[in-house]
């Protein structure tokens, strides 16, 4: 097929226009996708905190309504019940497993601590698009390292691993005391 020079230039221009339109459409689709991805990312933080709040109420239910064998914690009992209740049917596998629940709770507690530093202002999470839920739930960031990171966020100070371990132990003791007080308070209110 032979084109005259004018027809060839016209076809070339049409092809360029179509390619440009395709690039513009792909870019616009990419922008829309980024917005949706960002909305999902932000929602994941909020869902995780909602899961934690509901879990804490579920723990209270376990504490008030179920007896435990010696050495079984309320947390262990609550997680086992969640796994049991997550089965769609008695002959099917659970949708939630103990490891996953523990991982989600750990992440939610860390997010709550970060938000507490920011006076519950979600801007600290929303401002950093690279910060995702996996940062808080993942295994790469152990407890002492999280304390180091939190200190860096709070005071712009880097502390040693030893100091991170000490801070984590203090946090655990304070959290245990607070949990006990909250359970007692909620049992009295019930």
N, C-alpha and C. Protein backbone atom coordinates (compact mmCIF):
# COMPACT_ATOMS: atom_id res chain seq x y z
N UNK A 1 0.84 -1.16 0.00
CA UNK A 1 0.00 0.00 0.00
C UNK A 1 0.90 1.24 0.00
N UNK A 2 0.66 2.08 -1.00
CA UNK A 2 1.43 3.31 -1.12
C UNK A 2 0.55 4.50 -0.83
N UNK A 3 1.09 5.41 -0.02
CA UNK A 3 0.38 6.65 0.30
C UNK A 3 1.12 7.81 -0.34
N UNK A 4 0.36 8.79 -0.68
CA UNK A 4 0.99 10.02 -1.15
C UNK A 4 1.66 10.68 0.05
N UNK A 5 2.63 11.53 -0.15
CA UNK A 5 3.30 12.18 0.98
C UNK A 5 2.32 12.90 1.90
N UNK A 6 1.26 13.52 1.34
CA UNK A 6 0.27 14.21 2.17
C UNK A 6 -0.52 13.21 3.01
N UNK A 7 -0.94 12.09 2.37
CA UNK A 7 -1.68 11.05 3.11
C UNK A 7 -0.80 10.42 4.18
N UNK A 8 0.46 10.19 3.86
CA UNK A 8 1.38 9.61 4.84
C UNK A 8 1.52 10.53 6.05
N UNK A 9 1.67 11.83 5.82
CA UNK A 9 1.78 12.80 6.92
C UNK A 9 0.50 12.82 7.74
N UNK A 10 -0.64 12.73 7.06
CA UNK A 10 -1.93 12.72 7.74
C UNK A 10 -2.06 11.47 8.62
N UNK A 11 -1.70 10.31 8.08
CA UNK A 11 -1.75 9.05 8.86
C UNK A 11 -0.79 9.10 10.04
N UNK A 12 0.37 9.64 9.82
CA UNK A 12 1.36 9.77 10.89
C UNK A 12 0.83 10.68 11.99
N UNK A 13 0.20 11.79 11.61
CA UNK A 13 -0.36 12.71 12.59
C UNK A 13 -1.51 12.05 13.36
N UNK A 14 -2.37 11.31 12.67
CA UNK A 14 -3.48 10.60 13.33
C UNK A 14 -2.94 9.58 14.34
N UNK A 15 -1.88 8.86 13.95
CA UNK A 15 -1.28 7.88 14.85
C UNK A 15 -0.70 8.57 16.09
N UNK A 16 -0.05 9.71 15.87
CA UNK A 16 0.52 10.45 17.01
C UNK A 16 -0.58 10.95 17.94
N UNK A 17 -1.68 11.43 17.36
CA UNK A 17 -2.80 11.91 18.18
C UNK A 17 -3.39 10.76 18.98
N UNK A 18 -3.55 9.59 18.36
CA UNK A 18 -4.10 8.43 19.07
C UNK A 18 -3.15 7.98 20.19
N UNK A 19 -1.87 7.97 19.91
CA UNK A 19 -0.89 7.61 20.95
C UNK A 19 -0.92 8.61 22.10
N UNK A 20 -1.00 9.90 21.76
CA UNK A 20 -1.07 10.93 22.80
C UNK A 20 -2.33 10.76 23.64
N UNK A 21 -3.47 10.49 22.99
CA UNK A 21 -4.72 10.27 23.72
C UNK A 21 -4.61 9.06 24.64
N UNK A 22 -3.97 7.99 24.14
CA UNK A 22 -3.78 6.79 24.95
C UNK A 22 -2.92 7.09 26.19
N UNK A 23 -1.83 7.84 25.97
CA UNK A 23 -0.95 8.20 27.09
C UNK A 23 -1.70 9.04 28.11
N UNK A 24 -2.48 10.01 27.64
CA UNK A 24 -3.24 10.87 28.54
C UNK A 24 -4.28 10.05 29.31
N UNK A 25 -4.98 9.14 28.62
CA UNK A 25 -5.97 8.28 29.29
C UNK A 25 -5.30 7.38 30.33
N UNK A 26 -4.16 6.82 29.96
CA UNK A 26 -3.43 5.95 30.90
C UNK A 26 -3.00 6.75 32.12
N UNK A 27 -2.54 7.97 31.90
CA UNK A 27 -2.11 8.82 33.01
C UNK A 27 -3.30 9.16 33.92
N UNK A 28 -4.42 9.53 33.33
CA UNK A 28 -5.61 9.86 34.12
C UNK A 28 -6.11 8.64 34.90
N UNK A 29 -6.08 7.48 34.29
CA UNK A 29 -6.46 6.25 34.97
C UNK A 29 -5.51 5.97 36.13
N UNK A 30 -4.24 6.20 35.88
CA UNK A 30 -3.23 6.02 36.94
C UNK A 30 -3.49 6.95 38.12
N UNK A 31 -3.84 8.20 37.84
CA UNK A 31 -4.14 9.15 38.91
C UNK A 31 -5.35 8.70 39.72
N UNK A 32 -6.38 8.26 39.03
CA UNK A 32 -7.58 7.76 39.72
C UNK A 32 -7.24 6.56 40.57
N UNK A 33 -6.41 5.68 40.03
CA UNK A 33 -5.99 4.49 40.76
C UNK A 33 -5.19 4.87 42.01
N UNK A 34 -4.34 5.88 41.89
CA UNK A 34 -3.56 6.34 43.05
C UNK A 34 -4.46 6.88 44.15
N UNK A 35 -5.50 7.59 43.75
CA UNK A 35 -6.45 8.14 44.73
C UNK A 35 -7.16 6.99 45.44
N UNK A 36 -7.63 6.01 44.67
CA UNK A 36 -8.31 4.86 45.26
C UNK A 36 -7.36 4.10 46.19
N UNK A 37 -6.13 3.91 45.76
CA UNK A 37 -5.14 3.22 46.57
C UNK A 37 -4.89 3.97 47.88
N UNK A 38 -4.82 5.29 47.81
CA UNK A 38 -4.59 6.09 49.01
C UNK A 38 -5.78 6.01 49.96
N UNK A 39 -6.98 6.02 49.41
CA UNK A 39 -8.17 5.88 50.25
C UNK A 39 -8.16 4.52 50.95
N UNK A 40 -7.81 3.48 50.23
CA UNK A 40 -7.73 2.13 50.82
C UNK A 40 -6.66 2.08 51.89
N UNK A 41 -5.50 2.68 51.62
CA UNK A 41 -4.41 2.68 52.60
C UNK A 41 -4.85 3.35 53.90
N UNK A 42 -5.47 4.50 53.78
CA UNK A 42 -5.93 5.22 54.98
C UNK A 42 -7.02 4.43 55.71
N UNK A 43 -7.90 3.82 54.94
CA UNK A 43 -8.97 3.03 55.55
C UNK A 43 -8.43 1.84 56.33
N UNK A 44 -7.36 1.23 55.83
CA UNK A 44 -6.79 0.06 56.51
C UNK A 44 -6.36 0.41 57.94
N UNK A 45 -5.80 1.59 58.15
CA UNK A 45 -5.42 2.01 59.50
C UNK A 45 -6.65 2.11 60.39
N UNK A 46 -7.69 2.71 59.86
CA UNK A 46 -8.90 2.91 60.64
C UNK A 46 -9.60 1.58 60.93
N UNK A 47 -9.61 0.68 59.95
CA UNK A 47 -10.20 -0.65 60.16
C UNK A 47 -9.44 -1.40 61.25
N UNK A 48 -8.14 -1.31 61.22
CA UNK A 48 -7.33 -2.01 62.21
C UNK A 48 -7.64 -1.50 63.62
N UNK A 49 -7.81 -0.20 63.77
CA UNK A 49 -8.16 0.36 65.07
C UNK A 49 -9.57 -0.07 65.49
N UNK A 50 -10.48 -0.17 64.54
CA UNK A 50 -11.84 -0.65 64.84
C UNK A 50 -11.79 -2.10 65.29
N UNK A 51 -10.98 -2.90 64.63
CA UNK A 51 -10.82 -4.31 65.04
C UNK A 51 -10.32 -4.37 66.48
N UNK A 52 -9.34 -3.53 66.81
CA UNK A 52 -8.81 -3.52 68.17
C UNK A 52 -9.88 -3.14 69.19
N UNK A 53 -10.65 -2.12 68.89
CA UNK A 53 -11.71 -1.69 69.81
C UNK A 53 -12.73 -2.81 70.03
N UNK A 54 -13.13 -3.45 68.96
CA UNK A 54 -14.09 -4.56 69.06
C UNK A 54 -13.48 -5.74 69.81
N UNK A 55 -12.23 -6.01 69.56
CA UNK A 55 -11.54 -7.10 70.24
C UNK A 55 -11.50 -6.84 71.75
N UNK A 56 -11.25 -5.61 72.14
CA UNK A 56 -11.19 -5.28 73.56
C UNK A 56 -12.54 -5.52 74.23
N UNK A 57 -13.63 -5.22 73.53
CA UNK A 57 -14.96 -5.52 74.05
C UNK A 57 -15.17 -7.04 74.12
N UNK A 58 -14.69 -7.74 73.09
CA UNK A 58 -14.78 -9.20 73.06
C UNK A 58 -14.00 -9.82 74.23
N UNK A 59 -12.85 -9.25 74.52
CA UNK A 59 -12.06 -9.71 75.67
C UNK A 59 -12.84 -9.54 76.97
N UNK A 60 -13.52 -8.43 77.09
CA UNK A 60 -14.34 -8.18 78.28
C UNK A 60 -15.43 -9.24 78.39
N UNK A 61 -16.06 -9.56 77.27
CA UNK A 61 -17.07 -10.62 77.24
C UNK A 61 -16.46 -11.93 77.74
N UNK A 62 -15.28 -12.26 77.24
CA UNK A 62 -14.62 -13.51 77.66
C UNK A 62 -14.32 -13.47 79.16
N UNK A 63 -13.89 -12.35 79.64
CA UNK A 63 -13.54 -12.22 81.04
C UNK A 63 -14.79 -12.41 81.92
N UNK A 64 -15.91 -11.87 81.49
CA UNK A 64 -17.13 -11.93 82.28
C UNK A 64 -17.90 -13.24 82.12
N UNK A 65 -17.81 -13.84 80.94
CA UNK A 65 -18.71 -14.95 80.62
C UNK A 65 -18.08 -16.33 80.54
N UNK A 66 -16.78 -16.41 80.45
CA UNK A 66 -16.16 -17.72 80.24
C UNK A 66 -15.11 -18.01 81.30
N UNK A 67 -15.16 -19.22 81.77
CA UNK A 67 -14.11 -19.65 82.70
C UNK A 67 -12.89 -20.05 81.88
N UNK A 68 -11.74 -19.94 82.51
CA UNK A 68 -10.49 -20.30 81.85
C UNK A 68 -9.75 -21.30 82.70
N UNK A 69 -9.02 -22.18 82.03
CA UNK A 69 -8.14 -23.09 82.75
C UNK A 69 -6.98 -22.28 83.30
N UNK A 70 -6.36 -22.82 84.33
CA UNK A 70 -5.22 -22.16 84.93
C UNK A 70 -4.13 -21.97 83.87
N UNK A 71 -3.58 -20.76 83.82
CA UNK A 71 -2.52 -20.45 82.87
C UNK A 71 -3.01 -19.94 81.54
N UNK A 72 -4.32 -19.98 81.27
CA UNK A 72 -4.87 -19.47 80.02
C UNK A 72 -5.24 -18.01 80.23
N UNK A 73 -4.71 -17.14 79.38
CA UNK A 73 -4.99 -15.71 79.52
C UNK A 73 -6.30 -15.37 78.83
N UNK A 74 -6.82 -14.22 79.18
CA UNK A 74 -8.03 -13.73 78.52
C UNK A 74 -7.74 -13.54 77.03
N UNK A 75 -6.56 -13.03 76.72
CA UNK A 75 -6.18 -12.81 75.32
C UNK A 75 -6.21 -14.12 74.54
N UNK A 76 -5.59 -15.16 75.10
CA UNK A 76 -5.56 -16.47 74.42
C UNK A 76 -6.97 -17.00 74.23
N UNK A 77 -7.78 -16.88 75.28
CA UNK A 77 -9.15 -17.37 75.21
C UNK A 77 -9.95 -16.60 74.15
N UNK A 78 -9.80 -15.29 74.14
CA UNK A 78 -10.53 -14.47 73.18
C UNK A 78 -10.11 -14.80 71.75
N UNK A 79 -8.83 -14.97 71.53
CA UNK A 79 -8.35 -15.30 70.18
C UNK A 79 -8.87 -16.66 69.74
N UNK A 80 -8.84 -17.64 70.63
CA UNK A 80 -9.36 -18.98 70.28
C UNK A 80 -10.84 -18.91 69.91
N UNK A 81 -11.59 -18.12 70.67
CA UNK A 81 -13.01 -17.98 70.34
C UNK A 81 -13.22 -17.28 69.00
N UNK A 82 -12.43 -16.26 68.72
CA UNK A 82 -12.54 -15.57 67.43
C UNK A 82 -12.24 -16.54 66.28
N UNK A 83 -11.22 -17.35 66.45
CA UNK A 83 -10.89 -18.34 65.42
C UNK A 83 -12.08 -19.29 65.24
N UNK A 84 -12.62 -19.75 66.35
CA UNK A 84 -13.76 -20.67 66.30
C UNK A 84 -14.96 -20.03 65.61
N UNK A 85 -15.28 -18.78 65.98
CA UNK A 85 -16.43 -18.09 65.39
C UNK A 85 -16.20 -17.69 63.94
N UNK A 86 -14.96 -17.69 63.49
CA UNK A 86 -14.69 -17.28 62.11
C UNK A 86 -14.91 -18.41 61.11
N UNK A 87 -15.24 -19.60 61.62
CA UNK A 87 -15.52 -20.72 60.71
C UNK A 87 -16.88 -20.49 60.05
N UNK A 88 -16.93 -20.52 58.71
CA UNK A 88 -18.21 -20.35 58.03
C UNK A 88 -19.19 -21.49 58.38
N UNK A 89 -18.64 -22.68 58.57
CA UNK A 89 -19.43 -23.84 58.97
C UNK A 89 -18.52 -24.74 59.79
N UNK A 90 -19.11 -25.62 60.57
CA UNK A 90 -18.31 -26.45 61.49
C UNK A 90 -17.30 -27.33 60.76
N UNK A 91 -17.61 -27.70 59.51
CA UNK A 91 -16.70 -28.57 58.76
C UNK A 91 -15.73 -27.79 57.87
N UNK A 92 -15.70 -26.46 58.02
CA UNK A 92 -14.82 -25.63 57.19
C UNK A 92 -13.72 -25.00 58.03
N UNK A 93 -12.68 -24.61 57.34
CA UNK A 93 -11.54 -23.97 58.00
C UNK A 93 -11.92 -22.55 58.43
N UNK A 94 -11.32 -22.08 59.51
CA UNK A 94 -11.62 -20.71 59.95
C UNK A 94 -11.08 -19.68 58.97
N UNK A 95 -11.75 -18.53 58.90
CA UNK A 95 -11.29 -17.43 58.04
C UNK A 95 -10.17 -16.65 58.72
N UNK A 96 -10.14 -16.71 60.05
CA UNK A 96 -9.10 -16.04 60.82
C UNK A 96 -8.31 -17.09 61.59
N UNK A 97 -7.02 -16.89 61.69
CA UNK A 97 -6.16 -17.77 62.46
C UNK A 97 -5.53 -16.97 63.59
N UNK A 98 -5.12 -17.67 64.62
CA UNK A 98 -4.58 -17.02 65.82
C UNK A 98 -3.39 -16.12 65.48
N UNK A 99 -2.50 -16.58 64.60
CA UNK A 99 -1.33 -15.77 64.22
C UNK A 99 -1.75 -14.46 63.57
N UNK A 100 -2.73 -14.54 62.69
CA UNK A 100 -3.21 -13.35 61.99
C UNK A 100 -3.85 -12.38 62.99
N UNK A 101 -4.67 -12.89 63.87
CA UNK A 101 -5.32 -12.03 64.86
C UNK A 101 -4.27 -11.34 65.72
N UNK A 102 -3.30 -12.09 66.19
CA UNK A 102 -2.23 -11.50 67.02
C UNK A 102 -1.47 -10.43 66.25
N UNK A 103 -1.19 -10.70 65.00
CA UNK A 103 -0.46 -9.75 64.15
C UNK A 103 -1.27 -8.46 63.98
N UNK A 104 -2.57 -8.59 63.73
CA UNK A 104 -3.43 -7.42 63.57
C UNK A 104 -3.52 -6.61 64.86
N UNK A 105 -3.64 -7.32 65.98
CA UNK A 105 -3.74 -6.63 67.27
C UNK A 105 -2.45 -5.89 67.60
N UNK A 106 -1.33 -6.55 67.33
CA UNK A 106 -0.03 -5.91 67.57
C UNK A 106 0.08 -4.63 66.74
N UNK A 107 -0.28 -4.71 65.48
CA UNK A 107 -0.21 -3.53 64.61
C UNK A 107 -1.15 -2.43 65.07
N UNK A 108 -2.36 -2.81 65.47
CA UNK A 108 -3.33 -1.81 65.92
C UNK A 108 -2.86 -1.12 67.19
N UNK A 109 -2.27 -1.87 68.10
CA UNK A 109 -1.75 -1.27 69.33
C UNK A 109 -0.62 -0.28 69.01
N UNK A 110 0.22 -0.63 68.07
CA UNK A 110 1.31 0.27 67.68
C UNK A 110 0.77 1.53 67.02
N UNK A 111 -0.24 1.37 66.18
CA UNK A 111 -0.85 2.52 65.53
C UNK A 111 -1.50 3.42 66.58
N UNK A 112 -2.18 2.80 67.53
CA UNK A 112 -2.81 3.58 68.60
C UNK A 112 -1.77 4.38 69.38
N UNK A 113 -0.62 3.77 69.64
CA UNK A 113 0.45 4.47 70.37
C UNK A 113 0.98 5.65 69.55
N UNK A 114 1.15 5.45 68.26
CA UNK A 114 1.61 6.55 67.40
C UNK A 114 0.58 7.67 67.40
N UNK A 115 -0.68 7.32 67.27
CA UNK A 115 -1.73 8.34 67.27
C UNK A 115 -1.82 9.06 68.60
N UNK A 116 -1.56 8.35 69.68
CA UNK A 116 -1.57 8.98 71.01
C UNK A 116 -0.51 10.08 71.06
N UNK A 117 0.67 9.80 70.49
CA UNK A 117 1.71 10.83 70.42
C UNK A 117 1.24 12.06 69.65
N UNK A 118 0.43 11.81 68.62
CA UNK A 118 -0.05 12.89 67.75
C UNK A 118 -1.40 13.42 68.22
N UNK A 119 -1.76 13.11 69.46
CA UNK A 119 -3.05 13.56 70.02
C UNK A 119 -4.22 13.14 69.13
N UNK A 120 -4.17 11.88 68.68
CA UNK A 120 -5.19 11.26 67.83
C UNK A 120 -5.42 12.00 66.51
N UNK A 121 -4.40 12.66 66.02
CA UNK A 121 -4.47 13.35 64.74
C UNK A 121 -3.96 12.39 63.65
N UNK A 122 -4.87 11.96 62.79
CA UNK A 122 -4.51 11.01 61.74
C UNK A 122 -3.59 11.60 60.68
N UNK A 123 -3.36 12.89 60.73
CA UNK A 123 -2.45 13.51 59.75
C UNK A 123 -1.07 12.88 59.81
N UNK A 124 -0.67 12.39 60.98
CA UNK A 124 0.65 11.77 61.10
C UNK A 124 0.73 10.52 60.21
N UNK A 125 -0.37 9.85 60.01
CA UNK A 125 -0.41 8.68 59.13
C UNK A 125 -0.72 9.11 57.70
N UNK A 126 -1.69 9.99 57.56
CA UNK A 126 -2.14 10.40 56.24
C UNK A 126 -1.07 11.16 55.46
N UNK A 127 -0.17 11.83 56.17
CA UNK A 127 0.85 12.65 55.51
C UNK A 127 1.95 11.83 54.84
N UNK A 128 2.09 10.56 55.22
CA UNK A 128 3.18 9.74 54.69
C UNK A 128 2.61 8.58 53.88
N UNK A 129 2.48 8.76 52.56
CA UNK A 129 1.87 7.71 51.73
C UNK A 129 2.66 6.40 51.70
N UNK A 130 3.94 6.44 52.06
CA UNK A 130 4.72 5.21 52.08
C UNK A 130 4.53 4.42 53.37
N UNK A 131 3.92 5.04 54.36
CA UNK A 131 3.67 4.37 55.64
C UNK A 131 2.41 3.53 55.50
N UNK A 132 2.55 2.23 55.62
CA UNK A 132 1.38 1.38 55.48
C UNK A 132 1.22 0.47 56.70
N UNK A 133 0.11 -0.23 56.73
CA UNK A 133 -0.23 -1.09 57.86
C UNK A 133 0.85 -2.15 58.09
N UNK A 134 1.46 -2.63 57.03
CA UNK A 134 2.48 -3.67 57.18
C UNK A 134 3.68 -3.20 58.01
N UNK A 135 3.94 -1.91 58.01
CA UNK A 135 5.02 -1.39 58.84
C UNK A 135 4.76 -1.71 60.31
N UNK A 136 3.51 -1.64 60.72
CA UNK A 136 3.15 -1.85 62.11
C UNK A 136 2.88 -3.32 62.44
N UNK A 137 2.43 -4.09 61.46
CA UNK A 137 2.10 -5.49 61.71
C UNK A 137 3.22 -6.45 61.34
N UNK A 138 4.17 -5.99 60.56
CA UNK A 138 5.24 -6.85 60.07
C UNK A 138 6.18 -7.32 61.17
N UNK A 139 6.95 -8.33 60.83
CA UNK A 139 7.88 -8.91 61.80
C UNK A 139 9.26 -8.26 61.74
N UNK A 140 9.51 -7.45 60.73
CA UNK A 140 10.83 -6.82 60.62
C UNK A 140 11.07 -5.81 61.73
N UNK A 141 10.01 -5.22 62.22
CA UNK A 141 10.13 -4.19 63.24
C UNK A 141 9.79 -4.82 64.59
N UNK A 142 10.82 -5.31 65.28
CA UNK A 142 10.56 -5.95 66.58
C UNK A 142 10.21 -4.89 67.62
N UNK A 143 9.80 -5.34 68.80
CA UNK A 143 9.31 -4.43 69.84
C UNK A 143 10.34 -3.37 70.25
N UNK A 144 11.58 -3.74 70.56
CA UNK A 144 12.55 -2.69 70.92
C UNK A 144 12.80 -1.70 69.77
N UNK A 145 12.84 -2.20 68.54
CA UNK A 145 13.05 -1.30 67.40
C UNK A 145 11.85 -0.36 67.21
N UNK A 146 10.65 -0.86 67.51
CA UNK A 146 9.48 0.02 67.44
C UNK A 146 9.61 1.13 68.48
N UNK A 147 10.10 0.80 69.67
CA UNK A 147 10.30 1.81 70.71
C UNK A 147 11.33 2.85 70.25
N UNK A 148 12.38 2.40 69.60
CA UNK A 148 13.40 3.31 69.06
C UNK A 148 12.76 4.23 68.03
N UNK A 149 11.98 3.67 67.12
CA UNK A 149 11.31 4.44 66.08
C UNK A 149 10.33 5.44 66.69
N UNK A 150 9.57 4.99 67.68
CA UNK A 150 8.59 5.86 68.33
C UNK A 150 9.29 7.04 69.03
N UNK A 151 10.41 6.76 69.67
CA UNK A 151 11.18 7.82 70.33
C UNK A 151 11.69 8.82 69.28
N UNK A 152 12.10 8.32 68.14
CA UNK A 152 12.55 9.19 67.06
C UNK A 152 11.41 10.09 66.59
N UNK A 153 10.23 9.53 66.45
CA UNK A 153 9.07 10.31 66.03
C UNK A 153 8.70 11.33 67.10
N UNK A 154 8.68 10.88 68.36
CA UNK A 154 8.22 11.74 69.45
C UNK A 154 9.21 12.86 69.78
N UNK A 155 10.48 12.50 69.88
CA UNK A 155 11.46 13.48 70.39
C UNK A 155 12.60 13.79 69.43
N UNK A 156 12.57 13.17 68.24
CA UNK A 156 13.65 13.34 67.28
C UNK A 156 14.99 12.93 67.90
N UNK A 157 14.93 11.86 68.69
CA UNK A 157 16.10 11.35 69.39
C UNK A 157 16.26 9.87 69.07
N UNK A 158 17.47 9.46 68.77
CA UNK A 158 17.75 8.04 68.55
C UNK A 158 18.31 7.47 69.85
N UNK A 159 17.75 6.34 70.26
CA UNK A 159 18.20 5.68 71.48
C UNK A 159 18.82 4.33 71.11
N UNK A 160 19.50 3.71 72.05
CA UNK A 160 20.15 2.43 71.80
C UNK A 160 19.14 1.29 71.84
N UNK A 161 19.56 0.14 71.35
CA UNK A 161 18.72 -1.06 71.39
C UNK A 161 18.41 -1.43 72.84
N UNK A 162 19.39 -1.27 73.71
CA UNK A 162 19.18 -1.58 75.13
C UNK A 162 18.11 -0.66 75.72
N UNK A 163 18.20 0.62 75.41
CA UNK A 163 17.18 1.56 75.89
C UNK A 163 15.81 1.23 75.29
N UNK A 164 15.81 0.76 74.04
CA UNK A 164 14.55 0.34 73.39
C UNK A 164 13.91 -0.81 74.14
N UNK A 165 14.73 -1.78 74.57
CA UNK A 165 14.22 -2.93 75.34
C UNK A 165 13.65 -2.46 76.68
N UNK A 166 14.35 -1.54 77.32
CA UNK A 166 13.89 -1.03 78.62
C UNK A 166 12.55 -0.30 78.44
N UNK A 167 12.46 0.53 77.42
CA UNK A 167 11.20 1.24 77.16
C UNK A 167 10.06 0.27 76.86
N UNK A 168 10.39 -0.79 76.12
CA UNK A 168 9.35 -1.78 75.80
C UNK A 168 8.86 -2.48 77.07
N UNK A 169 9.77 -2.84 77.95
CA UNK A 169 9.37 -3.48 79.21
C UNK A 169 8.49 -2.54 80.04
N UNK A 170 8.86 -1.26 80.08
CA UNK A 170 8.05 -0.28 80.80
C UNK A 170 6.66 -0.15 80.17
N UNK A 171 6.65 -0.11 78.84
CA UNK A 171 5.36 -0.02 78.14
C UNK A 171 4.50 -1.23 78.45
N UNK A 172 5.07 -2.43 78.40
CA UNK A 172 4.32 -3.65 78.67
C UNK A 172 3.73 -3.64 80.07
N UNK A 173 4.53 -3.23 81.05
CA UNK A 173 4.05 -3.17 82.43
C UNK A 173 2.92 -2.16 82.57
N UNK A 174 3.08 -1.00 81.97
CA UNK A 174 2.05 0.03 82.05
C UNK A 174 0.78 -0.42 81.32
N UNK A 175 0.94 -1.06 80.18
CA UNK A 175 -0.21 -1.53 79.41
C UNK A 175 -0.97 -2.61 80.18
N UNK A 176 -0.22 -3.50 80.84
CA UNK A 176 -0.86 -4.56 81.63
C UNK A 176 -1.67 -3.95 82.77
N UNK A 177 -1.08 -2.97 83.44
CA UNK A 177 -1.77 -2.31 84.55
C UNK A 177 -3.02 -1.59 84.04
N UNK A 178 -2.89 -0.89 82.93
CA UNK A 178 -4.03 -0.16 82.35
C UNK A 178 -5.13 -1.11 81.93
N UNK A 179 -4.76 -2.26 81.31
CA UNK A 179 -5.75 -3.25 80.91
C UNK A 179 -6.52 -3.78 82.11
N UNK A 180 -5.79 -4.09 83.18
CA UNK A 180 -6.43 -4.59 84.39
C UNK A 180 -7.40 -3.57 84.96
N UNK A 181 -6.96 -2.33 85.02
CA UNK A 181 -7.83 -1.27 85.54
C UNK A 181 -9.06 -1.08 84.66
N UNK A 182 -8.87 -1.12 83.35
CA UNK A 182 -10.01 -0.97 82.43
C UNK A 182 -10.99 -2.12 82.57
N UNK A 183 -10.46 -3.34 82.70
CA UNK A 183 -11.35 -4.50 82.88
C UNK A 183 -12.14 -4.38 84.17
N UNK A 184 -11.47 -4.01 85.25
CA UNK A 184 -12.17 -3.84 86.53
C UNK A 184 -13.25 -2.77 86.42
N UNK A 185 -12.87 -1.66 85.79
CA UNK A 185 -13.80 -0.55 85.64
C UNK A 185 -15.02 -0.96 84.80
N UNK A 186 -14.79 -1.67 83.70
CA UNK A 186 -15.88 -2.09 82.85
C UNK A 186 -16.75 -3.14 83.52
N UNK A 187 -16.14 -4.00 84.36
CA UNK A 187 -16.92 -5.02 85.07
C UNK A 187 -17.82 -4.34 86.11
N UNK A 188 -17.33 -3.29 86.73
CA UNK A 188 -18.13 -2.56 87.72
C UNK A 188 -19.28 -1.84 87.01
N UNK A 189 -18.99 -1.28 85.84
CA UNK A 189 -20.03 -0.55 85.08
C UNK A 189 -21.09 -1.48 84.52
N UNK A 190 -20.74 -2.77 84.32
CA UNK A 190 -21.68 -3.70 83.69
C UNK A 190 -22.78 -4.13 84.62
